[in-house]
Amino acid sequence: MDSMKPLINNGPPVYGTKNPSFNSFVSPGALIVVAYFATTTVTCHLLIKERTDGLVDRNLVAGVKPLEFVLSHIILQLFMLSFQVGLKLVLAFAVFAVPNMGSIVSASALTFLQGCCGLMFGLMISSLCPDEMYATTLCIGAFFPTVIMGGMFWPLESMPTGLRYFSQILPSSLAIESLRSILLRGWGLSHYQVVVGFMRLGY
């Protein structure tokens, strides 16, 4: 009778369920991408608008130093980012029922730091683009590759080798995998896949 037993015994999954939902897979990527590009768009358009309206020149003539001007915008955007991250996480967990098996502190910190990277990217765009049309074009040009190849919809493990290396260069790919490991697997900073997402944000 032992010969009639199946060779492979499919037990319960280690993480999640046997039939995971599309919502649970996409939600970590949506949180990261929205935190990054919402901050990028607001920052670059706000600075370009002030520059084209002559507010930057007026502040400099009044005695405001360039460092003080930039720091004031960074502090303002960080306050707005904190509110946005809190609101997104509340909506994700309370309204859309996104599963959370890990630490809410780690998830919040990772999302906030990703927004900080978007803030720096917005500052760079505002310094490179002369007007809002160029800034919008550059933001859209950076948005679609991140959404399509950053691991939000298409898992990095299923990509061809060359495309996988390119996707890991994108600013949100490793952060998406880290947040997915925190929320769906309950992993913490003791796991490499979570730590590497924070390390990517450091440089």
C-alpha atoms as a PDB file:
ATOM      1  CA  MET A   1       0.000   0.000   0.000  1.00  0.00           C
ATOM      2  CA  ASP A   2       2.950   2.341   0.515  1.00  0.00           C
ATOM      3  CA  SER A   3       3.572   2.257  -3.228  1.00  0.00           C
ATOM      4  CA  MET A   4       0.140   3.819  -3.789  1.00  0.00           C
ATOM      5  CA  LYS A   5       0.961   6.932  -1.765  1.00  0.00           C
ATOM      6  CA  PRO A   6       1.824  10.083  -3.751  1.00  0.00           C
ATOM      7  CA  LEU A   7       5.498  10.907  -4.088  1.00  0.00           C
ATOM      8  CA  ILE A   8       4.912  14.576  -3.258  1.00  0.00           C
ATOM      9  CA  ASN A   9       2.814  15.644  -0.301  1.00  0.00           C
ATOM     10  CA  ASN A  10       1.436  19.152  -0.740  1.00  0.00           C
ATOM     11  CA  GLY A  11       1.048  20.568   2.737  1.00  0.00           C
ATOM     12  CA  PRO A  12      -0.173  23.998   3.763  1.00  0.00           C
ATOM     13  CA  PRO A  13       1.904  26.903   2.406  1.00  0.00           C
ATOM     14  CA  VAL A  14       4.561  28.409   4.643  1.00  0.00           C
ATOM     15  CA  TYR A  15       3.417  31.961   3.874  1.00  0.00           C
ATOM     16  CA  GLY A  16      -0.021  33.122   2.813  1.00  0.00           C
ATOM     17  CA  THR A  17      -2.634  30.858   1.260  1.00  0.00           C
ATOM     18  CA  LYS A  18      -2.721  28.372  -1.601  1.00  0.00           C
ATOM     19  CA  ASN A  19      -4.709  30.837  -3.688  1.00  0.00           C
ATOM     20  CA  PRO A  20      -3.161  34.286  -3.091  1.00  0.00           C
ATOM     21  CA  SER A  21      -5.128  37.273  -4.307  1.00  0.00           C
ATOM     22  CA  PHE A  22      -3.964  39.814  -6.850  1.00  0.00           C
ATOM     23  CA  ASN A  23      -4.694  42.554  -4.313  1.00  0.00           C
ATOM     24  CA  SER A  24      -2.230  41.201  -1.768  1.00  0.00           C
ATOM     25  CA  PHE A  25       0.546  40.950  -4.377  1.00  0.00           C
ATOM     26  CA  VAL A  26       0.098  44.389  -5.960  1.00  0.00           C
ATOM     27  CA  SER A  27      -0.638  46.426  -2.813  1.00  0.00           C
ATOM     28  CA  PRO A  28       2.974  46.641  -1.501  1.00  0.00           C
ATOM     29  CA  GLY A  29       4.146  47.825  -4.895  1.00  0.00           C
ATOM     30  CA  ALA A  30       1.355  50.384  -5.117  1.00  0.00           C
ATOM     31  CA  LEU A  31       2.261  51.805  -1.697  1.00  0.00           C
ATOM     32  CA  ILE A  32       5.925  52.170  -2.638  1.00  0.00           C
ATOM     33  CA  VAL A  33       5.355  53.599  -6.113  1.00  0.00           C
ATOM     34  CA  VAL A  34       2.733  56.109  -4.958  1.00  0.00           C
ATOM     35  CA  ALA A  35       4.948  57.262  -2.079  1.00  0.00           C
ATOM     36  CA  TYR A  36       7.861  57.776  -4.474  1.00  0.00           C
ATOM     37  CA  PHE A  37       6.212  59.497  -7.417  1.00  0.00           C
ATOM     38  CA  ALA A  38       3.631  61.534  -5.517  1.00  0.00           C
ATOM     39  CA  THR A  39       6.445  63.224  -3.615  1.00  0.00           C
ATOM     40  CA  THR A  40       8.511  63.573  -6.784  1.00  0.00           C
ATOM     41  CA  THR A  41       5.710  65.273  -8.695  1.00  0.00           C
ATOM     42  CA  VAL A  42       4.737  67.679  -5.920  1.00  0.00           C
ATOM     43  CA  THR A  43       8.330  68.679  -5.176  1.00  0.00           C
ATOM     44  CA  CYS A  44       9.493  69.339  -8.722  1.00  0.00           C
ATOM     45  CA  HIS A  45       6.354  71.199  -9.778  1.00  0.00           C
ATOM     46  CA  LEU A  46       6.325  73.354  -6.644  1.00  0.00           C
ATOM     47  CA  LEU A  47       9.938  74.425  -7.086  1.00  0.00           C
ATOM     48  CA  ILE A  48       9.576  75.047 -10.820  1.00  0.00           C
ATOM     49  CA  LYS A  49       6.410  77.070 -10.237  1.00  0.00           C
ATOM     50  CA  GLU A  50       8.175  79.263  -7.692  1.00  0.00           C
ATOM     51  CA  ARG A  51      11.122  79.742 -10.035  1.00  0.00           C
ATOM     52  CA  THR A  52       9.003  80.669 -13.059  1.00  0.00           C
ATOM     53  CA  ASP A  53       6.889  83.078 -10.971  1.00  0.00           C
ATOM     54  CA  GLY A  54      10.006  84.853  -9.721  1.00  0.00           C
ATOM     55  CA  LEU A  55       9.567  83.857  -6.076  1.00  0.00           C
ATOM     56  CA  VAL A  56      13.008  82.275  -5.887  1.00  0.00           C
ATOM     57  CA  ASP A  57      14.737  85.443  -7.086  1.00  0.00           C
ATOM     58  CA  ARG A  58      12.694  87.541  -4.688  1.00  0.00           C
ATOM     59  CA  ASN A  59      13.700  85.335  -1.748  1.00  0.00           C
ATOM     60  CA  LEU A  60      17.362  85.469  -2.724  1.00  0.00           C
ATOM     61  CA  VAL A  61      17.244  89.260  -3.034  1.00  0.00           C
ATOM     62  CA  ALA A  62      15.616  89.434   0.403  1.00  0.00           C
ATOM     63  CA  GLY A  63      18.646  87.669   1.895  1.00  0.00           C
ATOM     64  CA  VAL A  64      17.505  84.053   1.995  1.00  0.00           C
ATOM     65  CA  LYS A  65      20.419  81.696   1.355  1.00  0.00           C
ATOM     66  CA  PRO A  66      20.016  78.906  -1.235  1.00  0.00           C
ATOM     67  CA  LEU A  67      20.591  76.245   1.432  1.00  0.00           C
ATOM     68  CA  GLU A  68      17.883  77.746   3.629  1.00  0.00           C
ATOM     69  CA  PHE A  69      15.498  77.844   0.679  1.00  0.00           C
ATOM     70  CA  VAL A  70      16.077  74.184  -0.173  1.00  0.00           C
ATOM     71  CA  LEU A  71      15.885  73.050   3.463  1.00  0.00           C
ATOM     72  CA  SER A  72      12.579  74.849   3.954  1.00  0.00           C
ATOM     73  CA  HIS A  73      11.100  72.929   1.023  1.00  0.00           C
ATOM     74  CA  ILE A  74      12.525  69.639   2.278  1.00  0.00           C
ATOM     75  CA  ILE A  75      11.062  70.133   5.762  1.00  0.00           C
ATOM     76  CA  LEU A  76       7.672  71.082   4.303  1.00  0.00           C
ATOM     77  CA  GLN A  77       7.632  68.052   2.027  1.00  0.00           C
ATOM     78  CA  LEU A  78       8.653  65.739   4.878  1.00  0.00           C
ATOM     79  CA  PHE A  79       5.656  66.879   6.924  1.00  0.00           C
ATOM     80  CA  MET A  80       3.366  66.307   3.952  1.00  0.00           C
ATOM     81  CA  LEU A  81       5.000  62.936   3.300  1.00  0.00           C
ATOM     82  CA  SER A  82       4.418  61.815   6.894  1.00  0.00           C
ATOM     83  CA  PHE A  83       0.713  62.588   6.564  1.00  0.00           C
ATOM     84  CA  GLN A  84       0.509  60.870   3.171  1.00  0.00           C
ATOM     85  CA  VAL A  85       2.223  57.708   4.404  1.00  0.00           C
ATOM     86  CA  GLY A  86      -0.041  57.482   7.439  1.00  0.00           C
ATOM     87  CA  LEU A  87      -3.158  58.013   5.328  1.00  0.00           C
ATOM     88  CA  LYS A  88      -2.083  55.449   2.725  1.00  0.00           C
ATOM     89  CA  LEU A  89      -1.373  52.777   5.316  1.00  0.00           C
ATOM     90  CA  VAL A  90      -4.660  53.386   7.133  1.00  0.00           C
ATOM     91  CA  LEU A  91      -6.592  53.108   3.876  1.00  0.00           C
ATOM     92  CA  ALA A  92      -4.627  50.030   2.814  1.00  0.00           C
ATOM     93  CA  PHE A  93      -5.149  48.075   6.041  1.00  0.00           C
ATOM     94  CA  ALA A  94      -8.535  49.354   7.225  1.00  0.00           C
ATOM     95  CA  VAL A  95     -10.407  49.932   3.965  1.00  0.00           C
ATOM     96  CA  PHE A  96      -8.817  47.676   1.347  1.00  0.00           C
ATOM     97  CA  ALA A  97      -7.941  44.892   3.831  1.00  0.00           C
ATOM     98  CA  VAL A  98      -4.339  44.478   2.706  1.00  0.00           C
ATOM     99  CA  PRO A  99      -2.830  41.625   4.751  1.00  0.00           C
ATOM    100  CA  ASN A 100      -0.120  42.567   7.224  1.00  0.00           C
ATOM    101  CA  MET A 101       1.869  39.780   8.863  1.00  0.00           C
ATOM    102  CA  GLY A 102       4.841  41.911   9.908  1.00  0.00           C
ATOM    103  CA  SER A 103       5.777  45.059  11.748  1.00  0.00           C
ATOM    104  CA  ILE A 104       3.788  48.178  10.941  1.00  0.00           C
ATOM    105  CA  VAL A 105       6.778  50.252  12.059  1.00  0.00           C
ATOM    106  CA  SER A 106       9.060  48.635   9.473  1.00  0.00           C
ATOM    107  CA  ALA A 107       6.437  49.037   6.756  1.00  0.00           C
ATOM    108  CA  SER A 108       5.899  52.700   7.647  1.00  0.00           C
ATOM    109  CA  ALA A 109       9.640  53.413   7.799  1.00  0.00           C
ATOM    110  CA  LEU A 110      10.281  51.772   4.436  1.00  0.00           C
ATOM    111  CA  THR A 111       7.426  53.671   2.780  1.00  0.00           C
ATOM    112  CA  PHE A 112       8.554  56.959   4.338  1.00  0.00           C
ATOM    113  CA  LEU A 113      12.167  56.481   3.225  1.00  0.00           C
ATOM    114  CA  GLN A 114      11.003  55.659  -0.279  1.00  0.00           C
ATOM    115  CA  GLY A 115       9.098  58.940  -0.268  1.00  0.00           C
ATOM    116  CA  CYS A 116      12.304  60.699   0.814  1.00  0.00           C
ATOM    117  CA  CYS A 117      14.040  59.249  -2.243  1.00  0.00           C
ATOM    118  CA  GLY A 118      11.204  60.603  -4.366  1.00  0.00           C
ATOM    119  CA  LEU A 119      11.733  63.993  -2.738  1.00  0.00           C
ATOM    120  CA  MET A 120      15.399  64.006  -3.753  1.00  0.00           C
ATOM    121  CA  PHE A 121      14.462  62.915  -7.266  1.00  0.00           C
ATOM    122  CA  GLY A 122      11.987  65.788  -7.449  1.00  0.00           C
ATOM    123  CA  LEU A 123      14.696  68.243  -6.424  1.00  0.00           C
ATOM    124  CA  MET A 124      16.941  66.906  -9.171  1.00  0.00           C
ATOM    125  CA  ILE A 125      14.186  67.207 -11.789  1.00  0.00           C
ATOM    126  CA  SER A 126      13.423  70.782 -10.735  1.00  0.00           C
ATOM    127  CA  SER A 127      17.079  71.723 -11.194  1.00  0.00           C
ATOM    128  CA  LEU A 128      17.294  70.120 -14.645  1.00  0.00           C
ATOM    129  CA  CYS A 129      13.992  71.146 -16.240  1.00  0.00           C
ATOM    130  CA  PRO A 130      13.276  74.744 -17.292  1.00  0.00           C
ATOM    131  CA  ASP A 131       9.485  74.492 -17.042  1.00  0.00           C
ATOM    132  CA  GLU A 132       6.664  72.237 -15.882  1.00  0.00           C
ATOM    133  CA  MET A 133       6.144  70.585 -19.271  1.00  0.00           C
ATOM    134  CA  TYR A 134       9.649  69.144 -19.293  1.00  0.00           C
ATOM    135  CA  ALA A 135       9.294  68.080 -15.654  1.00  0.00           C
ATOM    136  CA  THR A 136       5.999  66.302 -16.332  1.00  0.00           C
ATOM    137  CA  THR A 137       7.499  64.494 -19.318  1.00  0.00           C
ATOM    138  CA  LEU A 138      10.485  63.352 -17.276  1.00  0.00           C
ATOM    139  CA  CYS A 139       8.268  62.175 -14.399  1.00  0.00           C
ATOM    140  CA  ILE A 140       6.084  60.149 -16.768  1.00  0.00           C
ATOM    141  CA  GLY A 141       9.172  58.743 -18.459  1.00  0.00           C
ATOM    142  CA  ALA A 142      10.451  57.512 -15.102  1.00  0.00           C
ATOM    143  CA  PHE A 143       7.050  56.336 -13.863  1.00  0.00           C
ATOM    144  CA  PHE A 144       6.120  53.749 -16.480  1.00  0.00           C
ATOM    145  CA  PRO A 145       9.378  51.722 -16.432  1.00  0.00           C
ATOM    146  CA  THR A 146       9.152  51.602 -12.638  1.00  0.00           C
ATOM    147  CA  VAL A 147       5.558  50.359 -12.691  1.00  0.00           C
ATOM    148  CA  ILE A 148       6.062  47.833 -15.480  1.00  0.00           C
ATOM    149  CA  MET A 149       9.519  46.464 -14.601  1.00  0.00           C
ATOM    150  CA  GLY A 150       9.876  47.325 -10.910  1.00  0.00           C
ATOM    151  CA  GLY A 151       8.182  44.182  -9.602  1.00  0.00           C
ATOM    152  CA  MET A 152       4.793  45.728  -8.913  1.00  0.00           C
ATOM    153  CA  PHE A 153       2.850  43.538 -11.389  1.00  0.00           C
ATOM    154  CA  TRP A 154       5.557  41.324 -12.865  1.00  0.00           C
ATOM    155  CA  PRO A 155       7.648  39.325 -10.341  1.00  0.00           C
ATOM    156  CA  LEU A 156      11.374  39.870 -10.710  1.00  0.00           C
ATOM    157  CA  GLU A 157      12.017  36.117 -10.529  1.00  0.00           C
ATOM    158  CA  SER A 158      10.046  35.506 -13.747  1.00  0.00           C
ATOM    159  CA  MET A 159      11.942  38.096 -15.804  1.00  0.00           C
ATOM    160  CA  PRO A 160      14.717  37.190 -18.245  1.00  0.00           C
ATOM    161  CA  THR A 161      18.175  37.524 -16.758  1.00  0.00           C
ATOM    162  CA  GLY A 162      19.164  40.710 -18.570  1.00  0.00           C
ATOM    163  CA  LEU A 163      15.865  42.426 -17.871  1.00  0.00           C
ATOM    164  CA  ARG A 164      16.076  41.377 -14.222  1.00  0.00           C
ATOM    165  CA  TYR A 165      19.436  43.107 -13.831  1.00  0.00           C
ATOM    166  CA  PHE A 166      17.981  46.254 -15.382  1.00  0.00           C
ATOM    167  CA  SER A 167      14.911  46.146 -13.140  1.00  0.00           C
ATOM    168  CA  GLN A 168      17.076  45.990 -10.027  1.00  0.00           C
ATOM    169  CA  ILE A 169      18.582  49.356 -10.979  1.00  0.00           C
ATOM    170  CA  LEU A 170      15.157  50.994 -10.728  1.00  0.00           C
ATOM    171  CA  PRO A 171      14.626  52.950  -7.499  1.00  0.00           C
ATOM    172  CA  SER A 172      11.587  51.025  -6.263  1.00  0.00           C
ATOM    173  CA  SER A 173      12.247  47.396  -7.218  1.00  0.00           C
ATOM    174  CA  LEU A 174      14.084  46.224  -4.091  1.00  0.00           C
ATOM    175  CA  ALA A 175      11.884  48.348  -1.820  1.00  0.00           C
ATOM    176  CA  ILE A 176       8.790  46.659  -3.278  1.00  0.00           C
ATOM    177  CA  GLU A 177      10.242  43.221  -2.578  1.00  0.00           C
ATOM    178  CA  SER A 178      11.166  44.285   0.955  1.00  0.00           C
ATOM    179  CA  LEU A 179       7.703  45.646   1.735  1.00  0.00           C
ATOM    180  CA  ARG A 180       6.115  42.538   0.236  1.00  0.00           C
ATOM    181  CA  SER A 181       8.268  40.374   2.518  1.00  0.00           C
ATOM    182  CA  ILE A 182       7.276  42.477   5.542  1.00  0.00           C
ATOM    183  CA  LEU A 183       3.544  42.449   4.855  1.00  0.00           C
ATOM    184  CA  LEU A 184       3.016  38.973   3.392  1.00  0.00           C
ATOM    185  CA  ARG A 185       5.743  36.928   5.092  1.00  0.00           C
ATOM    186  CA  GLY A 186       6.128  38.757   8.383  1.00  0.00           C
ATOM    187  CA  TRP A 187       9.875  39.134   7.937  1.00  0.00           C
ATOM    188  CA  GLY A 188      11.914  41.688   9.842  1.00  0.00           C
ATOM    189  CA  LEU A 189      15.329  43.282   9.620  1.00  0.00           C
ATOM    190  CA  SER A 190      16.976  39.934  10.343  1.00  0.00           C
ATOM    191  CA  HIS A 191      16.226  38.834   6.754  1.00  0.00           C
ATOM    192  CA  TYR A 192      18.458  39.949   3.915  1.00  0.00           C
ATOM    193  CA  GLN A 193      15.585  40.614   1.515  1.00  0.00           C
ATOM    194  CA  VAL A 194      14.175  43.198   3.925  1.00  0.00           C
ATOM    195  CA  VAL A 195      17.511  44.772   4.816  1.00  0.00           C
ATOM    196  CA  VAL A 196      18.541  45.210   1.179  1.00  0.00           C
ATOM    197  CA  GLY A 197      15.483  47.370   0.577  1.00  0.00           C
ATOM    198  CA  PHE A 198      16.553  49.743   3.334  1.00  0.00           C
ATOM    199  CA  MET A 199      20.165  49.642   2.121  1.00  0.00           C
ATOM    200  CA  ARG A 200      19.085  50.637  -1.394  1.00  0.00           C
ATOM    201  CA  LEU A 201      17.406  53.722   0.047  1.00  0.00           C
ATOM    202  CA  GLY A 202      20.653  54.653   1.784  1.00  0.00           C
ATOM    203  CA  TYR A 203      22.509  55.322  -1.462  1.00  0.00           C
END
